[in-house]
PDB file of all heavy atoms in Angstrom:
ATOM      1  N   ARG A   1    -170.948 -37.052-169.302  1.00  0.00           N
ATOM      2  CA  ARG A   1    -170.349 -38.308-169.852  1.00  0.00           C
ATOM      3  C   ARG A   1    -169.076 -38.707-169.055  1.00  0.00           C
ATOM      4  O   ARG A   1    -168.526 -39.746-169.188  1.00  0.00           O
ATOM      5  CB  ARG A   1    -170.023 -38.137-171.303  1.00  0.00           C
ATOM      6  CG  ARG A   1    -171.256 -38.149-172.141  1.00  0.00           C
ATOM      7  CD  ARG A   1    -170.935 -38.042-173.601  1.00  0.00           C
ATOM      8  NE  ARG A   1    -172.108 -38.276-174.365  1.00  0.00           N
ATOM      9  CZ  ARG A   1    -172.215 -37.960-175.718  1.00  0.00           C
ATOM     10  NH1 ARG A   1    -171.278 -37.331-176.250  1.00  0.00           N
ATOM     11  NH2 ARG A   1    -173.362 -38.268-176.278  1.00  0.00           N
ATOM     12  N   ALA A   2    -168.535 -37.890-168.195  1.00  0.00           N
ATOM     13  CA  ALA A   2    -167.281 -37.994-167.521  1.00  0.00           C
ATOM     14  C   ALA A   2    -167.417 -39.303-166.555  1.00  0.00           C
ATOM     15  O   ALA A   2    -166.454 -39.934-166.350  1.00  0.00           O
ATOM     16  CB  ALA A   2    -166.865 -36.839-166.700  1.00  0.00           C
ATOM     17  N   SER A   3    -168.540 -39.607-166.084  1.00  0.00           N
ATOM     18  CA  SER A   3    -168.735 -40.717-165.214  1.00  0.00           C
ATOM     19  C   SER A   3    -169.266 -41.971-165.917  1.00  0.00           C
ATOM     20  O   SER A   3    -169.782 -42.885-165.245  1.00  0.00           O
ATOM     21  CB  SER A   3    -169.607 -40.325-164.001  1.00  0.00           C
ATOM     22  OG  SER A   3    -170.881 -39.950-164.455  1.00  0.00           O
ATOM     23  N   GLY A   4    -169.319 -41.959-167.204  1.00  0.00           N
ATOM     24  CA  GLY A   4    -169.801 -43.086-167.924  1.00  0.00           C
ATOM     25  C   GLY A   4    -170.614 -42.680-169.149  1.00  0.00           C
ATOM     26  O   GLY A   4    -170.947 -41.478-169.296  1.00  0.00           O
ATOM     27  N   PRO A   5    -171.094 -43.637-169.871  1.00  0.00           N
ATOM     28  CA  PRO A   5    -171.957 -43.232-171.048  1.00  0.00           C
ATOM     29  C   PRO A   5    -173.214 -42.490-170.557  1.00  0.00           C
ATOM     30  O   PRO A   5    -173.882 -42.854-169.618  1.00  0.00           O
ATOM     31  CB  PRO A   5    -172.382 -44.669-171.621  1.00  0.00           C
ATOM     32  CG  PRO A   5    -171.380 -45.606-171.123  1.00  0.00           C
ATOM     33  CD  PRO A   5    -170.974 -45.043-169.730  1.00  0.00           C
ATOM     34  N   PHE A   6    -173.484 -41.452-171.310  1.00  0.00           N
ATOM     35  CA  PHE A   6    -174.701 -40.644-171.119  1.00  0.00           C
ATOM     36  C   PHE A   6    -175.093 -40.161-172.488  1.00  0.00           C
ATOM     37  O   PHE A   6    -174.344 -39.541-173.252  1.00  0.00           O
ATOM     38  CB  PHE A   6    -174.465 -39.486-170.197  1.00  0.00           C
ATOM     39  CG  PHE A   6    -175.626 -38.637-169.877  1.00  0.00           C
ATOM     40  CD1 PHE A   6    -176.431 -39.008-168.783  1.00  0.00           C
ATOM     41  CD2 PHE A   6    -176.080 -37.625-170.692  1.00  0.00           C
ATOM     42  CE1 PHE A   6    -177.603 -38.327-168.503  1.00  0.00           C
ATOM     43  CE2 PHE A   6    -177.215 -36.929-170.411  1.00  0.00           C
ATOM     44  CZ  PHE A   6    -177.996 -37.279-169.342  1.00  0.00           C
ATOM     45  N   HIS A   7    -176.348 -40.497-172.912  1.00  0.00           N
ATOM     46  CA  HIS A   7    -176.853 -40.199-174.187  1.00  0.00           C
ATOM     47  C   HIS A   7    -178.082 -39.348-174.087  1.00  0.00           C
ATOM     48  O   HIS A   7    -179.146 -39.812-173.654  1.00  0.00           O
ATOM     49  CB  HIS A   7    -177.193 -41.411-174.993  1.00  0.00           C
ATOM     50  CG  HIS A   7    -175.913 -42.334-175.114  1.00  0.00           C
ATOM     51  ND1 HIS A   7    -174.896 -42.057-175.910  1.00  0.00           N
ATOM     52  CD2 HIS A   7    -175.636 -43.499-174.470  1.00  0.00           C
ATOM     53  CE1 HIS A   7    -173.889 -42.997-175.782  1.00  0.00           C
ATOM     54  NE2 HIS A   7    -174.388 -43.855-174.932  1.00  0.00           N
ATOM     55  N   PRO A   8    -178.044 -38.067-174.505  1.00  0.00           N
ATOM     56  CA  PRO A   8    -179.287 -37.277-174.543  1.00  0.00           C
ATOM     57  C   PRO A   8    -180.241 -37.865-175.522  1.00  0.00           C
ATOM     58  O   PRO A   8    -179.859 -38.387-176.578  1.00  0.00           O
ATOM     59  CB  PRO A   8    -178.776 -35.883-175.009  1.00  0.00           C
ATOM     60  CG  PRO A   8    -177.371 -35.901-174.961  1.00  0.00           C
ATOM     61  CD  PRO A   8    -176.983 -37.302-174.972  1.00  0.00           C
ATOM     62  N   PRO A   9    -181.474 -37.843-175.241  1.00  0.00           N
ATOM     63  CA  PRO A   9    -182.445 -38.438-176.156  1.00  0.00           C
ATOM     64  C   PRO A   9    -182.811 -37.571-177.282  1.00  0.00           C
ATOM     65  O   PRO A   9    -182.550 -36.352-177.244  1.00  0.00           O
ATOM     66  CB  PRO A   9    -183.763 -38.583-175.273  1.00  0.00           C
ATOM     67  CG  PRO A   9    -183.561 -37.455-174.310  1.00  0.00           C
ATOM     68  CD  PRO A   9    -182.159 -37.339-174.017  1.00  0.00           C
ATOM     69  N   GLN A  10    -183.312 -38.185-178.336  1.00  0.00           N
ATOM     70  CA  GLN A  10    -183.744 -37.359-179.485  1.00  0.00           C
ATOM     71  C   GLN A  10    -184.996 -36.538-179.105  1.00  0.00           C
ATOM     72  O   GLN A  10    -185.080 -35.402-179.498  1.00  0.00           O
ATOM     73  CB  GLN A  10    -184.233 -38.429-180.624  1.00  0.00           C
ATOM     74  CG  GLN A  10    -184.538 -37.727-181.963  1.00  0.00           C
ATOM     75  CD  GLN A  10    -183.278 -37.243-182.648  1.00  0.00           C
ATOM     76  OE1 GLN A  10    -182.155 -37.638-182.447  1.00  0.00           O
ATOM     77  NE2 GLN A  10    -183.457 -36.167-183.597  1.00  0.00           N
ATOM     78  N   SER A  11    -185.839 -37.098-178.320  1.00  0.00           N
ATOM     79  CA  SER A  11    -187.034 -36.374-177.887  1.00  0.00           C
ATOM     80  C   SER A  11    -187.088 -36.274-176.374  1.00  0.00           C
ATOM     81  O   SER A  11    -186.858 -35.240-175.782  1.00  0.00           O
ATOM     82  CB  SER A  11    -188.318 -37.027-178.449  1.00  0.00           C
ATOM     83  OG  SER A  11    -189.472 -36.370-177.961  1.00  0.00           O
ATOM     84  N   TYR A  12    -187.305 -37.483-175.758  1.00  0.00           N
ATOM     85  CA  TYR A  12    -187.292 -37.508-174.241  1.00  0.00           C
ATOM     86  C   TYR A  12    -187.070 -38.976-173.841  1.00  0.00           C
ATOM     87  O   TYR A  12    -187.206 -39.893-174.610  1.00  0.00           O
ATOM     88  CB  TYR A  12    -188.645 -37.029-173.662  1.00  0.00           C
ATOM     89  CG  TYR A  12    -189.760 -37.999-173.815  1.00  0.00           C
ATOM     90  CD1 TYR A  12    -190.126 -38.907-172.775  1.00  0.00           C
ATOM     91  CD2 TYR A  12    -190.494 -38.085-174.974  1.00  0.00           C
ATOM     92  CE1 TYR A  12    -191.073 -39.830-172.927  1.00  0.00           C
ATOM     93  CE2 TYR A  12    -191.541 -39.004-175.134  1.00  0.00           C
ATOM     94  CZ  TYR A  12    -191.814 -39.905-174.083  1.00  0.00           C
ATOM     95  OH  TYR A  12    -192.844 -40.813-174.299  1.00  0.00           O
ATOM     96  N   ARG A  13    -186.749 -39.105-172.528  1.00  0.00           N
ATOM     97  CA  ARG A  13    -186.671 -40.477-172.028  1.00  0.00           C
ATOM     98  C   ARG A  13    -186.771 -40.302-170.479  1.00  0.00           C
ATOM     99  O   ARG A  13    -186.486 -39.305-169.873  1.00  0.00           O
ATOM    100  CB  ARG A  13    -185.366 -41.179-172.404  1.00  0.00           C
ATOM    101  CG  ARG A  13    -184.075 -40.663-171.780  1.00  0.00           C
ATOM    102  CD  ARG A  13    -182.856 -41.540-172.219  1.00  0.00           C
ATOM    103  NE  ARG A  13    -181.624 -41.007-171.854  1.00  0.00           N
ATOM    104  CZ  ARG A  13    -180.921 -41.284-170.822  1.00  0.00           C
ATOM    105  NH1 ARG A  13    -181.360 -42.141-169.947  1.00  0.00           N
ATOM    106  NH2 ARG A  13    -179.791 -40.736-170.574  1.00  0.00           N
ATOM    107  N   TYR A  14    -187.115 -41.427-169.861  1.00  0.00           N
ATOM    108  CA  TYR A  14    -187.234 -41.446-168.408  1.00  0.00           C
ATOM    109  C   TYR A  14    -185.896 -41.792-167.914  1.00  0.00           C
ATOM    110  O   TYR A  14    -185.047 -42.565-168.490  1.00  0.00           O
ATOM    111  CB  TYR A  14    -188.259 -42.529-168.038  1.00  0.00           C
ATOM    112  CG  TYR A  14    -189.645 -42.215-168.570  1.00  0.00           C
ATOM    113  CD1 TYR A  14    -190.161 -42.923-169.634  1.00  0.00           C
ATOM    114  CD2 TYR A  14    -190.409 -41.131-168.027  1.00  0.00           C
ATOM    115  CE1 TYR A  14    -191.431 -42.581-170.180  1.00  0.00           C
ATOM    116  CE2 TYR A  14    -191.667 -40.809-168.600  1.00  0.00           C
ATOM    117  CZ  TYR A  14    -192.110 -41.532-169.632  1.00  0.00           C
ATOM    118  OH  TYR A  14    -193.345 -41.235-170.219  1.00  0.00           O
ATOM    119  N   LEU A  15    -185.513 -41.207-166.785  1.00  0.00           N
ATOM    120  CA  LEU A  15    -184.182 -41.372-166.200  1.00  0.00           C
ATOM    121  C   LEU A  15    -184.196 -42.533-165.189  1.00  0.00           C
ATOM    122  O   LEU A  15    -185.173 -42.660-164.430  1.00  0.00           O
ATOM    123  CB  LEU A  15    -183.755 -40.112-165.520  1.00  0.00           C
ATOM    124  CG  LEU A  15    -183.478 -38.933-166.484  1.00  0.00           C
ATOM    125  CD1 LEU A  15    -183.226 -37.681-165.712  1.00  0.00           C
ATOM    126  CD2 LEU A  15    -182.303 -39.216-167.426  1.00  0.00           C
ATOM    127  N   THR A  16    -183.158 -43.261-165.150  1.00  0.00           N
ATOM    128  CA  THR A  16    -182.973 -44.317-164.164  1.00  0.00           C
ATOM    129  C   THR A  16    -182.298 -43.718-162.928  1.00  0.00           C
ATOM    130  O   THR A  16    -181.749 -42.594-162.976  1.00  0.00           O
ATOM    131  CB  THR A  16    -182.101 -45.435-164.722  1.00  0.00           C
ATOM    132  OG1 THR A  16    -180.773 -44.942-164.927  1.00  0.00           O
ATOM    133  CG2 THR A  16    -182.653 -46.000-166.037  1.00  0.00           C
ATOM    134  N   GLY A  17    -182.297 -44.526-161.836  1.00  0.00           N
ATOM    135  CA  GLY A  17    -181.517 -43.994-160.659  1.00  0.00           C
ATOM    136  C   GLY A  17    -180.068 -43.806-160.970  1.00  0.00           C
ATOM    137  O   GLY A  17    -179.517 -42.847-160.505  1.00  0.00           O
ATOM    138  N   GLU A  18    -179.469 -44.664-161.779  1.00  0.00           N
ATOM    139  CA  GLU A  18    -178.055 -44.507-162.142  1.00  0.00           C
ATOM    140  C   GLU A  18    -177.892 -43.180-163.006  1.00  0.00           C
ATOM    141  O   GLU A  18    -176.885 -42.461-162.740  1.00  0.00           O
ATOM    142  CB  GLU A  18    -177.598 -45.682-163.017  1.00  0.00           C
ATOM    143  CG  GLU A  18    -176.157 -45.558-163.433  1.00  0.00           C
ATOM    144  CD  GLU A  18    -175.146 -45.440-162.276  1.00  0.00           C
ATOM    145  OE1 GLU A  18    -175.436 -46.012-161.119  1.00  0.00           O
ATOM    146  OE2 GLU A  18    -174.058 -44.861-162.409  1.00  0.00           O
ATOM    147  N   ASP A  19    -178.763 -42.889-163.916  1.00  0.00           N
ATOM    148  CA  ASP A  19    -178.784 -41.611-164.576  1.00  0.00           C
ATOM    149  C   ASP A  19    -178.794 -40.429-163.598  1.00  0.00           C
ATOM    150  O   ASP A  19    -178.039 -39.456-163.771  1.00  0.00           O
ATOM    151  CB  ASP A  19    -179.885 -41.464-165.557  1.00  0.00           C
ATOM    152  CG  ASP A  19    -179.946 -42.380-166.725  1.00  0.00           C
ATOM    153  OD1 ASP A  19    -178.813 -42.701-167.164  1.00  0.00           O
ATOM    154  OD2 ASP A  19    -181.015 -42.738-167.196  1.00  0.00           O
ATOM    155  N   LEU A  20    -179.636 -40.467-162.602  1.00  0.00           N
ATOM    156  CA  LEU A  20    -179.766 -39.376-161.698  1.00  0.00           C
ATOM    157  C   LEU A  20    -178.498 -39.273-160.824  1.00  0.00           C
ATOM    158  O   LEU A  20    -178.146 -38.145-160.497  1.00  0.00           O
ATOM    159  CB  LEU A  20    -180.994 -39.647-160.714  1.00  0.00           C
ATOM    160  CG  LEU A  20    -182.324 -39.495-161.486  1.00  0.00           C
ATOM    161  CD1 LEU A  20    -183.456 -40.017-160.610  1.00  0.00           C
ATOM    162  CD2 LEU A  20    -182.569 -38.066-161.961  1.00  0.00           C
ATOM    163  N   ARG A  21    -177.846 -40.344-160.485  1.00  0.00           N
ATOM    164  CA  ARG A  21    -176.609 -40.253-159.734  1.00  0.00           C
ATOM    165  C   ARG A  21    -175.581 -39.586-160.624  1.00  0.00           C
ATOM    166  O   ARG A  21    -174.782 -38.781-160.141  1.00  0.00           O
ATOM    167  CB  ARG A  21    -176.209 -41.665-159.296  1.00  0.00           C
ATOM    168  CG  ARG A  21    -176.844 -42.163-158.045  1.00  0.00           C
ATOM    169  CD  ARG A  21    -176.335 -43.470-157.535  1.00  0.00           C
ATOM    170  NE  ARG A  21    -176.814 -44.644-158.269  1.00  0.00           N
ATOM    171  CZ  ARG A  21    -178.040 -45.099-158.023  1.00  0.00           C
ATOM    172  NH1 ARG A  21    -178.924 -44.580-157.209  1.00  0.00           N
ATOM    173  NH2 ARG A  21    -178.418 -46.171-158.738  1.00  0.00           N
ATOM    174  N   LYS A  22    -175.522 -39.970-161.919  1.00  0.00           N
ATOM    175  CA  LYS A  22    -174.517 -39.310-162.778  1.00  0.00           C
ATOM    176  C   LYS A  22    -174.759 -37.784-162.886  1.00  0.00           C
ATOM    177  O   LYS A  22    -173.792 -37.048-162.837  1.00  0.00           O
ATOM    178  CB  LYS A  22    -174.642 -39.856-164.203  1.00  0.00           C
ATOM    179  CG  LYS A  22    -174.034 -41.244-164.285  1.00  0.00           C
ATOM    180  CD  LYS A  22    -174.208 -41.708-165.731  1.00  0.00           C
ATOM    181  CE  LYS A  22    -173.705 -43.145-165.859  1.00  0.00           C
ATOM    182  NZ  LYS A  22    -173.862 -43.640-167.189  1.00  0.00           N
ATOM    183  N   VAL A  23    -176.050 -37.397-162.911  1.00  0.00           N
ATOM    184  CA  VAL A  23    -176.374 -35.980-162.966  1.00  0.00           C
ATOM    185  C   VAL A  23    -175.904 -35.273-161.666  1.00  0.00           C
ATOM    186  O   VAL A  23    -175.292 -34.197-161.710  1.00  0.00           O
ATOM    187  CB  VAL A  23    -177.851 -35.736-163.216  1.00  0.00           C
ATOM    188  CG1 VAL A  23    -178.195 -34.242-163.006  1.00  0.00           C
ATOM    189  CG2 VAL A  23    -178.254 -36.145-164.595  1.00  0.00           C
ATOM    190  N   THR A  24    -176.081 -35.937-160.526  1.00  0.00           N
ATOM    191  CA  THR A  24    -175.694 -35.338-159.215  1.00  0.00           C
ATOM    192  C   THR A  24    -174.177 -35.173-159.247  1.00  0.00           C
ATOM    193  O   THR A  24    -173.645 -34.111-158.845  1.00  0.00           O
ATOM    194  CB  THR A  24    -176.130 -36.283-158.083  1.00  0.00           C
ATOM    195  OG1 THR A  24    -177.512 -36.481-158.203  1.00  0.00           O
ATOM    196  CG2 THR A  24    -175.826 -35.620-156.747  1.00  0.00           C
ATOM    197  N   ILE A  25    -173.472 -36.188-159.659  1.00  0.00           N
ATOM    198  CA  ILE A  25    -171.991 -36.118-159.739  1.00  0.00           C
ATOM    199  C   ILE A  25    -171.462 -35.013-160.626  1.00  0.00           C
ATOM    200  O   ILE A  25    -170.578 -34.256-160.335  1.00  0.00           O
ATOM    201  CB  ILE A  25    -171.346 -37.444-160.087  1.00  0.00           C
ATOM    202  CG1 ILE A  25    -171.588 -38.451-158.928  1.00  0.00           C
ATOM    203  CG2 ILE A  25    -169.883 -37.306-160.375  1.00  0.00           C
ATOM    204  CD1 ILE A  25    -171.327 -39.890-159.349  1.00  0.00           C
TER     205      ILE A  25
END
């Protein structure tokens, strides 16, 4: 969450390119 909103899913969700960049950072 340090680089912006990040919400873990209740079950699952597909990740966007922006989500993947946040994970990398």
